[in-house]
Amino acid sequence: MAAVEIDRAMRATRPPMSDGLTLLPGRLDRAEQEALVAALREVVRDAPFFTPVMPRTGKPFSVRMTNCGPLGWVADRAGYRYQPTHPETGRPWPPIPPSLLALWDAVTGYRAPPEACLVNFYGPEAKMGLHQDRDEADLAAPLLSVSLGDTARFRLSGVERSDPTRSFPLASGDVMALAGPLRLAFHGVDRILPGTSSLLERGGRLNLTLRRVNPP
């Protein structure tokens, strides 16, 4: 079965809205996606992609990443943390594009702006194991995710690692927020479906995760 046909079949399995999950398929139209990719090229020009590694073991992630905003998330042998500078260049992270700040306001309604926007690039073989986002001091703030490029098979669990999981597709232009009882839900990416989007010239997927780090 072709990748696009698999993508259509996966879309039919999208979950209904639940307490803490906001899923907005196709929230960004093609023009908005292209404008955002152009803005991200400027981000990457100032803050190049780097490969994070696991603490202690030094095993590299399968994704490459960068950040924008006052703070950026990094992972290296010393641990997971937020810091105001790029780990390789030592320069401050570039600002979050205004369109993303507006999207945060429109979708989350949170009383303070995001302080970090993680930009993860997934190649055709990349994935992300189940994990919690809990390095932030402000755990009341939602997480906002924007998908660009090839479709990902996203997996969502509960706040306990032993909770049952469900998986559903996130396609280019989809926006998702986790808040309230799902703010600390375990989540990850099982796989990428190459060829399901023509947005990125060389294929792959960009995932943007906006986070508030410190209490307002």
N, C-alpha and C. Protein backbone atom coordinates (compact mmCIF):
# COMPACT_ATOMS: atom_id res chain seq x y z
N MET A 1 0.85 -1.20 0.00
CA MET A 1 0.00 0.00 0.00
C MET A 1 0.88 1.25 0.00
N ALA A 2 0.57 2.23 -0.86
CA ALA A 2 1.35 3.45 -0.95
C ALA A 2 1.26 4.24 0.34
N ALA A 3 2.30 5.07 0.57
CA ALA A 3 2.36 5.85 1.82
C ALA A 3 1.15 6.76 1.96
N VAL A 4 0.70 7.37 0.86
CA VAL A 4 -0.44 8.29 0.95
C VAL A 4 -1.71 7.53 1.31
N GLU A 5 -1.88 6.30 0.77
CA GLU A 5 -3.06 5.50 1.12
C GLU A 5 -3.01 5.09 2.58
N ILE A 6 -1.82 4.73 3.08
CA ILE A 6 -1.68 4.40 4.50
C ILE A 6 -2.05 5.61 5.34
N ASP A 7 -1.60 6.79 4.91
CA ASP A 7 -1.90 8.01 5.65
C ASP A 7 -3.41 8.23 5.74
N ARG A 8 -4.13 8.05 4.65
CA ARG A 8 -5.59 8.22 4.66
C ARG A 8 -6.22 7.24 5.64
N ALA A 9 -5.76 5.99 5.63
CA ALA A 9 -6.31 5.00 6.54
C ALA A 9 -6.03 5.36 7.99
N MET A 10 -4.84 5.88 8.25
CA MET A 10 -4.49 6.28 9.61
C MET A 10 -5.34 7.44 10.09
N ARG A 11 -5.65 8.36 9.20
CA ARG A 11 -6.45 9.52 9.58
C ARG A 11 -7.83 9.11 10.08
N ALA A 12 -8.31 7.99 9.58
CA ALA A 12 -9.64 7.52 10.00
C ALA A 12 -9.64 7.05 11.45
N THR A 13 -8.44 6.87 12.03
CA THR A 13 -8.35 6.39 13.41
C THR A 13 -8.12 7.52 14.40
N ARG A 14 -8.25 8.76 13.99
CA ARG A 14 -8.02 9.87 14.90
C ARG A 14 -8.94 9.75 16.11
N PRO A 15 -8.41 10.04 17.31
CA PRO A 15 -9.23 9.89 18.51
C PRO A 15 -10.19 11.05 18.67
N PRO A 16 -11.29 10.84 19.38
CA PRO A 16 -12.16 11.97 19.72
C PRO A 16 -11.48 12.86 20.75
N MET A 17 -11.95 14.09 20.88
CA MET A 17 -11.41 14.98 21.89
C MET A 17 -11.62 14.36 23.28
N SER A 18 -10.65 14.53 24.13
CA SER A 18 -10.78 14.06 25.50
C SER A 18 -10.26 15.13 26.43
N ASP A 19 -10.54 14.97 27.71
CA ASP A 19 -10.15 15.96 28.69
C ASP A 19 -8.64 16.10 28.70
N GLY A 20 -8.14 17.26 28.30
CA GLY A 20 -6.71 17.51 28.26
C GLY A 20 -6.09 17.41 26.88
N LEU A 21 -6.78 16.81 25.92
CA LEU A 21 -6.27 16.69 24.55
C LEU A 21 -7.06 17.60 23.63
N THR A 22 -6.36 18.47 22.92
CA THR A 22 -6.96 19.25 21.84
C THR A 22 -6.25 18.87 20.56
N LEU A 23 -6.98 18.38 19.59
CA LEU A 23 -6.41 17.96 18.32
C LEU A 23 -7.11 18.72 17.20
N LEU A 24 -6.35 19.48 16.45
CA LEU A 24 -6.89 20.33 15.39
C LEU A 24 -6.29 19.92 14.05
N PRO A 25 -6.87 18.92 13.39
CA PRO A 25 -6.34 18.49 12.08
C PRO A 25 -6.42 19.61 11.05
N GLY A 26 -5.33 19.81 10.33
CA GLY A 26 -5.31 20.82 9.28
C GLY A 26 -5.50 22.24 9.76
N ARG A 27 -5.11 22.52 10.99
CA ARG A 27 -5.27 23.88 11.55
C ARG A 27 -4.51 24.93 10.73
N LEU A 28 -3.36 24.53 10.19
CA LEU A 28 -2.59 25.42 9.33
C LEU A 28 -2.77 25.00 7.87
N ASP A 29 -3.20 25.93 7.03
CA ASP A 29 -3.35 25.59 5.61
C ASP A 29 -1.97 25.60 4.93
N ARG A 30 -1.96 25.24 3.66
CA ARG A 30 -0.68 25.09 2.95
C ARG A 30 0.14 26.38 2.95
N ALA A 31 -0.51 27.49 2.72
CA ALA A 31 0.21 28.77 2.69
C ALA A 31 0.81 29.08 4.06
N GLU A 32 0.07 28.81 5.12
CA GLU A 32 0.58 29.05 6.47
C GLU A 32 1.74 28.12 6.79
N GLN A 33 1.65 26.88 6.34
CA GLN A 33 2.75 25.94 6.54
C GLN A 33 4.01 26.41 5.83
N GLU A 34 3.86 26.84 4.58
CA GLU A 34 5.02 27.28 3.81
C GLU A 34 5.66 28.53 4.44
N ALA A 35 4.83 29.44 4.93
CA ALA A 35 5.36 30.64 5.59
C ALA A 35 6.12 30.26 6.86
N LEU A 36 5.60 29.28 7.59
CA LEU A 36 6.26 28.86 8.82
C LEU A 36 7.59 28.16 8.51
N VAL A 37 7.63 27.35 7.48
CA VAL A 37 8.88 26.71 7.08
C VAL A 37 9.91 27.77 6.71
N ALA A 38 9.49 28.81 6.00
CA ALA A 38 10.42 29.89 5.64
C ALA A 38 10.96 30.58 6.90
N ALA A 39 10.09 30.80 7.88
CA ALA A 39 10.54 31.40 9.14
C ALA A 39 11.51 30.48 9.87
N LEU A 40 11.27 29.18 9.80
CA LEU A 40 12.16 28.23 10.48
C LEU A 40 13.52 28.14 9.80
N ARG A 41 13.57 28.38 8.50
CA ARG A 41 14.88 28.42 7.84
C ARG A 41 15.74 29.53 8.43
N GLU A 42 15.12 30.65 8.76
CA GLU A 42 15.86 31.74 9.41
C GLU A 42 16.31 31.33 10.80
N VAL A 43 15.47 30.62 11.52
CA VAL A 43 15.84 30.12 12.84
C VAL A 43 17.06 29.22 12.73
N VAL A 44 17.01 28.26 11.80
CA VAL A 44 18.10 27.29 11.66
C VAL A 44 19.38 27.96 11.17
N ARG A 45 19.24 29.02 10.42
CA ARG A 45 20.43 29.74 9.98
C ARG A 45 21.19 30.32 11.18
N ASP A 46 20.45 30.82 12.16
CA ASP A 46 21.07 31.38 13.36
C ASP A 46 21.40 30.32 14.41
N ALA A 47 20.60 29.26 14.45
CA ALA A 47 20.77 28.20 15.45
C ALA A 47 20.73 26.86 14.73
N PRO A 48 21.86 26.38 14.21
CA PRO A 48 21.86 25.15 13.40
C PRO A 48 21.39 23.94 14.19
N PHE A 49 20.85 22.97 13.43
CA PHE A 49 20.47 21.70 14.05
C PHE A 49 21.69 21.05 14.71
N PHE A 50 21.46 20.40 15.84
CA PHE A 50 22.48 19.60 16.49
C PHE A 50 21.84 18.28 16.90
N THR A 51 22.66 17.31 17.25
CA THR A 51 22.14 16.00 17.65
C THR A 51 22.26 15.85 19.16
N PRO A 52 21.13 15.83 19.88
CA PRO A 52 21.19 15.63 21.32
C PRO A 52 21.59 14.18 21.64
N VAL A 53 22.12 13.97 22.84
CA VAL A 53 22.51 12.62 23.25
C VAL A 53 21.91 12.33 24.62
N MET A 54 21.79 11.05 24.91
CA MET A 54 21.24 10.62 26.19
C MET A 54 22.21 10.92 27.33
N PRO A 55 21.69 11.37 28.46
CA PRO A 55 22.56 11.55 29.62
C PRO A 55 23.27 10.25 29.99
N ARG A 56 24.48 10.40 30.47
CA ARG A 56 25.33 9.30 30.95
C ARG A 56 25.84 8.41 29.83
N THR A 57 24.94 7.85 28.99
CA THR A 57 25.40 6.91 27.96
C THR A 57 25.97 7.62 26.73
N GLY A 58 25.49 8.82 26.45
CA GLY A 58 25.93 9.52 25.26
C GLY A 58 25.34 8.99 23.97
N LYS A 59 24.34 8.11 24.06
CA LYS A 59 23.70 7.58 22.85
C LYS A 59 22.95 8.69 22.13
N PRO A 60 23.21 8.90 20.83
CA PRO A 60 22.54 9.99 20.12
C PRO A 60 21.06 9.72 19.89
N PHE A 61 20.27 10.78 19.94
CA PHE A 61 18.87 10.69 19.55
C PHE A 61 18.80 10.41 18.05
N SER A 62 17.66 9.89 17.60
CA SER A 62 17.48 9.68 16.15
C SER A 62 16.97 10.94 15.46
N VAL A 63 16.61 11.96 16.23
CA VAL A 63 16.20 13.24 15.67
C VAL A 63 17.32 14.25 15.81
N ARG A 64 17.32 15.23 14.92
CA ARG A 64 18.16 16.41 15.11
C ARG A 64 17.27 17.53 15.61
N MET A 65 17.84 18.47 16.32
CA MET A 65 16.98 19.49 16.91
C MET A 65 17.68 20.84 17.00
N THR A 66 16.85 21.87 17.20
CA THR A 66 17.30 23.19 17.58
C THR A 66 16.15 23.83 18.37
N ASN A 67 16.31 25.09 18.73
CA ASN A 67 15.30 25.78 19.52
C ASN A 67 15.19 27.23 19.08
N CYS A 68 14.09 27.86 19.46
CA CYS A 68 13.98 29.31 19.38
C CYS A 68 13.21 29.78 20.60
N GLY A 69 13.42 31.03 20.96
CA GLY A 69 12.81 31.58 22.17
C GLY A 69 13.87 31.97 23.19
N PRO A 70 13.47 32.55 24.30
CA PRO A 70 14.43 32.92 25.34
C PRO A 70 15.22 31.74 25.90
N LEU A 71 14.60 30.55 25.88
CA LEU A 71 15.23 29.35 26.40
C LEU A 71 15.16 28.23 25.37
N GLY A 72 16.09 27.31 25.45
CA GLY A 72 16.07 26.15 24.58
C GLY A 72 16.36 24.90 25.38
N TRP A 73 15.72 23.79 24.98
CA TRP A 73 15.91 22.51 25.67
C TRP A 73 17.09 21.80 25.04
N VAL A 74 17.96 21.26 25.86
CA VAL A 74 19.10 20.50 25.37
C VAL A 74 19.22 19.20 26.16
N ALA A 75 19.84 18.21 25.56
CA ALA A 75 20.12 16.93 26.21
C ALA A 75 21.56 16.55 25.87
N ASP A 76 22.36 16.30 26.90
CA ASP A 76 23.72 15.84 26.71
C ASP A 76 24.10 14.94 27.87
N ARG A 77 25.35 14.57 27.97
CA ARG A 77 25.77 13.65 29.03
C ARG A 77 25.50 14.19 30.42
N ALA A 78 25.40 15.51 30.55
CA ALA A 78 25.16 16.12 31.86
C ALA A 78 23.69 16.06 32.27
N GLY A 79 22.80 15.82 31.32
CA GLY A 79 21.38 15.74 31.66
C GLY A 79 20.50 16.53 30.72
N TYR A 80 19.23 16.66 31.10
CA TYR A 80 18.24 17.42 30.36
C TYR A 80 18.07 18.77 31.04
N ARG A 81 17.97 19.85 30.27
CA ARG A 81 17.83 21.17 30.88
C ARG A 81 17.44 22.21 29.83
N TYR A 82 17.03 23.36 30.33
CA TYR A 82 16.82 24.54 29.49
C TYR A 82 17.98 25.50 29.70
N GLN A 83 18.41 26.13 28.62
CA GLN A 83 19.48 27.11 28.73
C GLN A 83 19.26 28.20 27.68
N PRO A 84 19.83 29.39 27.89
CA PRO A 84 19.57 30.52 26.98
C PRO A 84 20.43 30.54 25.73
N THR A 85 21.36 29.60 25.60
CA THR A 85 22.28 29.63 24.46
C THR A 85 22.37 28.27 23.77
N HIS A 86 22.74 28.32 22.50
CA HIS A 86 22.95 27.12 21.68
C HIS A 86 24.15 26.35 22.23
N PRO A 87 24.05 25.02 22.37
CA PRO A 87 25.15 24.27 22.99
C PRO A 87 26.43 24.22 22.16
N GLU A 88 26.33 24.48 20.86
CA GLU A 88 27.53 24.41 20.01
C GLU A 88 28.06 25.78 19.63
N THR A 89 27.18 26.72 19.33
CA THR A 89 27.64 28.04 18.91
C THR A 89 27.84 28.98 20.09
N GLY A 90 27.14 28.73 21.20
CA GLY A 90 27.20 29.62 22.36
C GLY A 90 26.39 30.89 22.20
N ARG A 91 25.66 31.02 21.08
CA ARG A 91 24.87 32.23 20.84
C ARG A 91 23.46 32.07 21.41
N PRO A 92 22.80 33.18 21.73
CA PRO A 92 21.40 33.11 22.17
C PRO A 92 20.53 32.50 21.08
N TRP A 93 19.46 31.83 21.51
CA TRP A 93 18.51 31.29 20.55
C TRP A 93 17.79 32.43 19.84
N PRO A 94 17.44 32.27 18.56
CA PRO A 94 16.64 33.28 17.87
C PRO A 94 15.22 33.34 18.44
N PRO A 95 14.51 34.44 18.20
CA PRO A 95 13.15 34.57 18.74
C PRO A 95 12.16 33.60 18.10
N ILE A 96 11.11 33.30 18.83
CA ILE A 96 10.02 32.48 18.30
C ILE A 96 9.28 33.28 17.23
N PRO A 97 9.02 32.71 16.06
CA PRO A 97 8.28 33.44 15.02
C PRO A 97 6.94 33.95 15.52
N PRO A 98 6.55 35.17 15.14
CA PRO A 98 5.28 35.75 15.61
C PRO A 98 4.06 34.88 15.32
N SER A 99 4.07 34.15 14.20
CA SER A 99 2.91 33.31 13.88
C SER A 99 2.72 32.20 14.90
N LEU A 100 3.81 31.70 15.47
CA LEU A 100 3.69 30.67 16.49
C LEU A 100 3.20 31.25 17.81
N LEU A 101 3.64 32.46 18.13
CA LEU A 101 3.14 33.11 19.35
C LEU A 101 1.64 33.36 19.24
N ALA A 102 1.19 33.77 18.05
CA ALA A 102 -0.25 33.99 17.84
C ALA A 102 -1.02 32.67 17.93
N LEU A 103 -0.44 31.60 17.41
CA LEU A 103 -1.09 30.28 17.48
C LEU A 103 -1.21 29.82 18.93
N TRP A 104 -0.18 30.03 19.72
CA TRP A 104 -0.22 29.69 21.14
C TRP A 104 -1.38 30.41 21.83
N ASP A 105 -1.50 31.70 21.58
CA ASP A 105 -2.58 32.46 22.20
C ASP A 105 -3.95 31.94 21.76
N ALA A 106 -4.08 31.66 20.46
CA ALA A 106 -5.38 31.26 19.92
C ALA A 106 -5.81 29.88 20.41
N VAL A 107 -4.87 28.96 20.53
CA VAL A 107 -5.21 27.58 20.86
C VAL A 107 -5.23 27.34 22.36
N THR A 108 -4.24 27.87 23.08
CA THR A 108 -4.12 27.54 24.51
C THR A 108 -4.84 28.54 25.41
N GLY A 109 -4.86 29.83 25.02
CA GLY A 109 -5.44 30.84 25.88
C GLY A 109 -4.68 31.02 27.19
N TYR A 110 -3.44 30.53 27.24
CA TYR A 110 -2.67 30.62 28.49
C TYR A 110 -2.25 32.05 28.74
N ARG A 111 -2.12 32.40 30.02
CA ARG A 111 -1.93 33.81 30.39
C ARG A 111 -0.51 34.32 30.17
N ALA A 112 0.40 33.47 29.77
CA ALA A 112 1.79 33.88 29.54
C ALA A 112 2.28 33.23 28.25
N PRO A 113 3.21 33.87 27.56
CA PRO A 113 3.70 33.32 26.29
C PRO A 113 4.65 32.16 26.50
N PRO A 114 4.88 31.36 25.48
CA PRO A 114 5.87 30.29 25.59
C PRO A 114 7.28 30.88 25.70
N GLU A 115 8.15 30.15 26.37
CA GLU A 115 9.54 30.59 26.50
C GLU A 115 10.49 29.76 25.64
N ALA A 116 10.01 28.62 25.18
CA ALA A 116 10.86 27.75 24.36
C ALA A 116 10.03 27.12 23.26
N CYS A 117 10.64 27.01 22.10
CA CYS A 117 10.04 26.26 21.00
C CYS A 117 11.08 25.27 20.50
N LEU A 118 10.86 24.00 20.81
CA LEU A 118 11.75 22.95 20.32
C LEU A 118 11.41 22.65 18.87
N VAL A 119 12.44 22.53 18.05
CA VAL A 119 12.28 22.19 16.64
C VAL A 119 12.99 20.87 16.41
N ASN A 120 12.22 19.81 16.25
CA ASN A 120 12.79 18.48 16.01
C ASN A 120 12.62 18.10 14.55
N PHE A 121 13.69 17.62 13.94
CA PHE A 121 13.60 17.12 12.57
C PHE A 121 13.69 15.59 12.59
N TYR A 122 12.67 14.96 12.01
CA TYR A 122 12.60 13.50 11.90
C TYR A 122 12.90 13.09 10.47
N GLY A 123 13.96 12.32 10.26
CA GLY A 123 14.17 11.69 8.98
C GLY A 123 13.30 10.46 8.85
N PRO A 124 13.40 9.71 7.76
CA PRO A 124 12.49 8.58 7.52
C PRO A 124 12.59 7.47 8.56
N GLU A 125 13.74 7.32 9.23
CA GLU A 125 13.90 6.25 10.21
C GLU A 125 13.81 6.73 11.65
N ALA A 126 13.59 8.02 11.85
CA ALA A 126 13.59 8.58 13.21
C ALA A 126 12.33 8.21 13.98
N LYS A 127 12.46 8.18 15.29
CA LYS A 127 11.33 7.93 16.18
C LYS A 127 11.65 8.56 17.53
N MET A 128 10.67 8.53 18.43
CA MET A 128 10.87 9.08 19.77
C MET A 128 10.14 8.16 20.76
N GLY A 129 10.88 7.62 21.71
CA GLY A 129 10.28 6.72 22.69
C GLY A 129 9.33 7.44 23.62
N LEU A 130 8.49 6.68 24.31
CA LEU A 130 7.55 7.27 25.25
C LEU A 130 8.29 8.02 26.35
N HIS A 131 7.87 9.23 26.62
CA HIS A 131 8.52 10.08 27.61
C HIS A 131 7.52 11.10 28.13
N GLN A 132 7.86 11.73 29.24
CA GLN A 132 7.10 12.85 29.78
C GLN A 132 7.90 14.13 29.59
N ASP A 133 7.19 15.24 29.37
CA ASP A 133 7.83 16.55 29.37
C ASP A 133 7.64 17.14 30.76
N ARG A 134 8.68 17.05 31.60
CA ARG A 134 8.53 17.50 32.97
C ARG A 134 9.76 18.26 33.47
N ASP A 135 10.54 18.81 32.54
CA ASP A 135 11.70 19.60 32.94
C ASP A 135 11.33 21.07 33.19
N GLU A 136 10.05 21.39 33.09
CA GLU A 136 9.60 22.77 33.26
C GLU A 136 9.17 23.02 34.70
N ALA A 137 9.41 24.24 35.19
CA ALA A 137 8.93 24.61 36.52
C ALA A 137 7.43 24.87 36.51
N ASP A 138 6.91 25.33 35.37
CA ASP A 138 5.48 25.61 35.25
C ASP A 138 4.79 24.44 34.58
N LEU A 139 4.29 23.50 35.37
CA LEU A 139 3.60 22.34 34.82
C LEU A 139 2.11 22.59 34.62
N ALA A 140 1.66 23.81 34.95
CA ALA A 140 0.26 24.16 34.70
C ALA A 140 0.07 24.62 33.26
N ALA A 141 1.15 25.04 32.61
CA ALA A 141 1.05 25.53 31.23
C ALA A 141 0.90 24.35 30.28
N PRO A 142 0.13 24.50 29.21
CA PRO A 142 -0.04 23.42 28.24
C PRO A 142 1.20 23.22 27.38
N LEU A 143 1.22 22.13 26.66
CA LEU A 143 2.20 21.87 25.60
C LEU A 143 1.48 22.04 24.27
N LEU A 144 2.11 22.74 23.34
CA LEU A 144 1.51 22.93 22.02
C LEU A 144 2.43 22.36 20.96
N SER A 145 1.89 21.48 20.13
CA SER A 145 2.68 20.81 19.10
C SER A 145 2.16 21.17 17.71
N VAL A 146 3.08 21.43 16.79
CA VAL A 146 2.75 21.72 15.39
C VAL A 146 3.52 20.76 14.51
N SER A 147 2.82 20.10 13.59
CA SER A 147 3.44 19.13 12.69
C SER A 147 3.57 19.72 11.29
N LEU A 148 4.74 19.53 10.69
CA LEU A 148 5.01 20.00 9.33
C LEU A 148 5.74 18.90 8.57
N GLY A 149 5.29 18.60 7.36
CA GLY A 149 5.96 17.59 6.56
C GLY A 149 5.30 16.23 6.67
N ASP A 150 6.09 15.18 6.55
CA ASP A 150 5.55 13.82 6.50
C ASP A 150 4.76 13.46 7.77
N THR A 151 3.77 12.62 7.58
CA THR A 151 2.91 12.18 8.69
C THR A 151 3.69 11.32 9.68
N ALA A 152 3.40 11.53 10.96
CA ALA A 152 3.98 10.71 12.02
C ALA A 152 2.88 9.89 12.67
N ARG A 153 3.25 8.71 13.11
CA ARG A 153 2.35 7.89 13.94
C ARG A 153 2.67 8.23 15.39
N PHE A 154 1.78 8.99 16.04
CA PHE A 154 1.99 9.51 17.38
C PHE A 154 1.36 8.57 18.40
N ARG A 155 2.05 8.34 19.52
CA ARG A 155 1.51 7.46 20.56
C ARG A 155 1.33 8.25 21.84
N LEU A 156 0.15 8.09 22.45
CA LEU A 156 -0.20 8.82 23.66
C LEU A 156 -0.65 7.84 24.74
N SER A 157 -0.14 8.04 25.95
CA SER A 157 -0.50 7.21 27.08
C SER A 157 -1.09 8.10 28.16
N GLY A 158 -1.06 7.63 29.40
CA GLY A 158 -1.51 8.42 30.54
C GLY A 158 -0.31 8.93 31.32
N VAL A 159 -0.55 9.32 32.55
CA VAL A 159 0.52 9.91 33.35
C VAL A 159 1.37 8.86 34.04
N GLU A 160 0.97 7.59 33.97
CA GLU A 160 1.77 6.49 34.48
C GLU A 160 2.31 5.69 33.30
N ARG A 161 3.57 5.26 33.42
CA ARG A 161 4.17 4.53 32.31
C ARG A 161 3.40 3.24 31.98
N SER A 162 2.72 2.69 32.98
CA SER A 162 1.97 1.45 32.77
C SER A 162 0.59 1.67 32.18
N ASP A 163 0.17 2.92 32.00
CA ASP A 163 -1.15 3.19 31.43
C ASP A 163 -1.24 2.69 30.00
N PRO A 164 -2.44 2.31 29.55
CA PRO A 164 -2.59 1.88 28.15
C PRO A 164 -2.30 3.03 27.19
N THR A 165 -1.89 2.68 26.00
CA THR A 165 -1.56 3.68 24.98
C THR A 165 -2.53 3.60 23.81
N ARG A 166 -2.57 4.67 23.04
CA ARG A 166 -3.32 4.70 21.78
C ARG A 166 -2.45 5.45 20.79
N SER A 167 -2.59 5.15 19.53
CA SER A 167 -1.79 5.83 18.52
C SER A 167 -2.70 6.40 17.44
N PHE A 168 -2.25 7.49 16.85
CA PHE A 168 -3.02 8.16 15.80
C PHE A 168 -2.06 9.01 14.97
N PRO A 169 -2.45 9.40 13.77
CA PRO A 169 -1.54 10.15 12.89
C PRO A 169 -1.54 11.64 13.20
N LEU A 170 -0.40 12.25 13.01
CA LEU A 170 -0.27 13.70 12.99
C LEU A 170 0.32 14.07 11.63
N ALA A 171 -0.47 14.78 10.84
CA ALA A 171 -0.08 15.13 9.49
C ALA A 171 0.33 16.60 9.41
N SER A 172 0.85 16.99 8.27
CA SER A 172 1.33 18.35 8.08
C SER A 172 0.19 19.36 8.27
N GLY A 173 0.44 20.34 9.12
CA GLY A 173 -0.57 21.35 9.42
C GLY A 173 -1.41 21.05 10.63
N ASP A 174 -1.27 19.84 11.20
CA ASP A 174 -2.02 19.49 12.41
C ASP A 174 -1.43 20.19 13.63
N VAL A 175 -2.30 20.58 14.54
CA VAL A 175 -1.89 21.21 15.79
C VAL A 175 -2.51 20.43 16.94
N MET A 176 -1.72 20.19 17.98
CA MET A 176 -2.20 19.43 19.12
C MET A 176 -1.74 20.10 20.40
N ALA A 177 -2.58 20.08 21.43
CA ALA A 177 -2.23 20.60 22.74
C ALA A 177 -2.52 19.56 23.80
N LEU A 178 -1.62 19.46 24.77
CA LEU A 178 -1.82 18.62 25.94
C LEU A 178 -1.86 19.53 27.16
N ALA A 179 -2.90 19.39 27.96
CA ALA A 179 -3.08 20.27 29.11
C ALA A 179 -3.79 19.52 30.22
N GLY A 180 -3.91 20.17 31.37
CA GLY A 180 -4.68 19.60 32.47
C GLY A 180 -4.23 18.21 32.83
N PRO A 181 -5.16 17.24 32.86
CA PRO A 181 -4.81 15.88 33.28
C PRO A 181 -3.85 15.17 32.34
N LEU A 182 -3.69 15.66 31.11
CA LEU A 182 -2.76 15.03 30.17
C LEU A 182 -1.46 15.80 30.00
N ARG A 183 -1.27 16.86 30.80
CA ARG A 183 -0.04 17.65 30.66
C ARG A 183 1.21 16.79 30.86
N LEU A 184 1.15 15.82 31.75
CA LEU A 184 2.29 14.94 32.02
C LEU A 184 2.11 13.55 31.41
N ALA A 185 1.27 13.45 30.41
CA ALA A 185 1.06 12.15 29.76
C ALA A 185 2.34 11.71 29.05
N PHE A 186 2.60 10.41 29.10
CA PHE A 186 3.69 9.85 28.30
C PHE A 186 3.28 9.89 26.82
N HIS A 187 4.23 10.21 25.97
CA HIS A 187 3.94 10.30 24.54
C HIS A 187 5.21 10.06 23.74
N GLY A 188 5.05 9.75 22.47
CA GLY A 188 6.20 9.50 21.62
C GLY A 188 5.78 9.37 20.17
N VAL A 189 6.74 9.09 19.32
CA VAL A 189 6.50 8.92 17.88
C VAL A 189 6.99 7.54 17.48
N ASP A 190 6.06 6.71 16.99
CA ASP A 190 6.40 5.34 16.59
C ASP A 190 7.18 5.31 15.29
N ARG A 191 6.74 6.09 14.32
CA ARG A 191 7.39 6.06 13.01
C ARG A 191 6.95 7.23 12.16
N ILE A 192 7.69 7.43 11.10
CA ILE A 192 7.39 8.45 10.10
C ILE A 192 6.97 7.75 8.81
N LEU A 193 6.00 8.32 8.11
CA LEU A 193 5.55 7.78 6.82
C LEU A 193 6.14 8.62 5.70
N PRO A 194 7.28 8.22 5.14
CA PRO A 194 7.91 9.00 4.07
C PRO A 194 6.99 9.14 2.87
N GLY A 195 7.05 10.30 2.24
CA GLY A 195 6.30 10.52 1.01
C GLY A 195 4.87 10.94 1.20
N THR A 196 4.45 11.23 2.44
CA THR A 196 3.06 11.62 2.68
C THR A 196 2.86 13.13 2.61
N SER A 197 3.94 13.89 2.41
CA SER A 197 3.82 15.34 2.27
C SER A 197 4.87 15.84 1.30
N SER A 198 4.52 16.88 0.57
CA SER A 198 5.47 17.53 -0.34
C SER A 198 5.97 18.86 0.22
N LEU A 199 5.67 19.15 1.49
CA LEU A 199 6.00 20.46 2.05
C LEU A 199 7.49 20.69 2.13
N LEU A 200 8.24 19.72 2.64
CA LEU A 200 9.69 19.86 2.79
C LEU A 200 10.38 19.29 1.56
N GLU A 201 11.24 20.07 0.98
CA GLU A 201 11.84 19.72 -0.31
C GLU A 201 12.51 18.36 -0.28
N ARG A 202 13.18 18.04 0.81
CA ARG A 202 13.89 16.77 0.91
C ARG A 202 13.15 15.76 1.77
N GLY A 203 11.90 16.01 2.08
CA GLY A 203 11.11 15.08 2.88
C GLY A 203 11.43 15.19 4.35
N GLY A 204 10.83 14.31 5.14
CA GLY A 204 11.02 14.34 6.58
C GLY A 204 9.91 15.11 7.27
N ARG A 205 10.03 15.20 8.58
CA ARG A 205 9.02 15.86 9.39
C ARG A 205 9.67 16.84 10.36
N LEU A 206 9.07 18.00 10.48
CA LEU A 206 9.43 18.96 11.51
C LEU A 206 8.33 18.97 12.56
N ASN A 207 8.71 18.84 13.81
CA ASN A 207 7.76 18.98 14.90
C ASN A 207 8.18 20.14 15.78
N LEU A 208 7.27 21.06 16.01
CA LEU A 208 7.53 22.22 16.85
C LEU A 208 6.76 22.04 18.14
N THR A 209 7.44 22.15 19.27
CA THR A 209 6.79 22.02 20.56
C THR A 209 7.03 23.29 21.36
N LEU A 210 5.93 24.02 21.62
CA LEU A 210 6.02 25.26 22.38
C LEU A 210 5.74 24.97 23.84
N ARG A 211 6.61 25.51 24.71
CA ARG A 211 6.51 25.25 26.13
C ARG A 211 6.73 26.52 26.94
N ARG A 212 5.98 26.63 28.02
CA ARG A 212 6.25 27.64 29.04
C ARG A 212 7.12 26.96 30.09
N VAL A 213 8.27 27.56 30.42
CA VAL A 213 9.22 26.93 31.32
C VAL A 213 9.03 27.39 32.77
N ASN A 214 8.92 28.70 32.97
CA ASN A 214 8.83 29.27 34.30
C ASN A 214 7.42 29.78 34.60
N PRO A 215 7.01 29.76 35.85
CA PRO A 215 5.69 30.31 36.19
C PRO A 215 5.60 31.78 35.81
N PRO A 216 4.42 32.24 35.38
CA PRO A 216 4.25 33.66 35.02
C PRO A 216 4.56 34.56 36.21
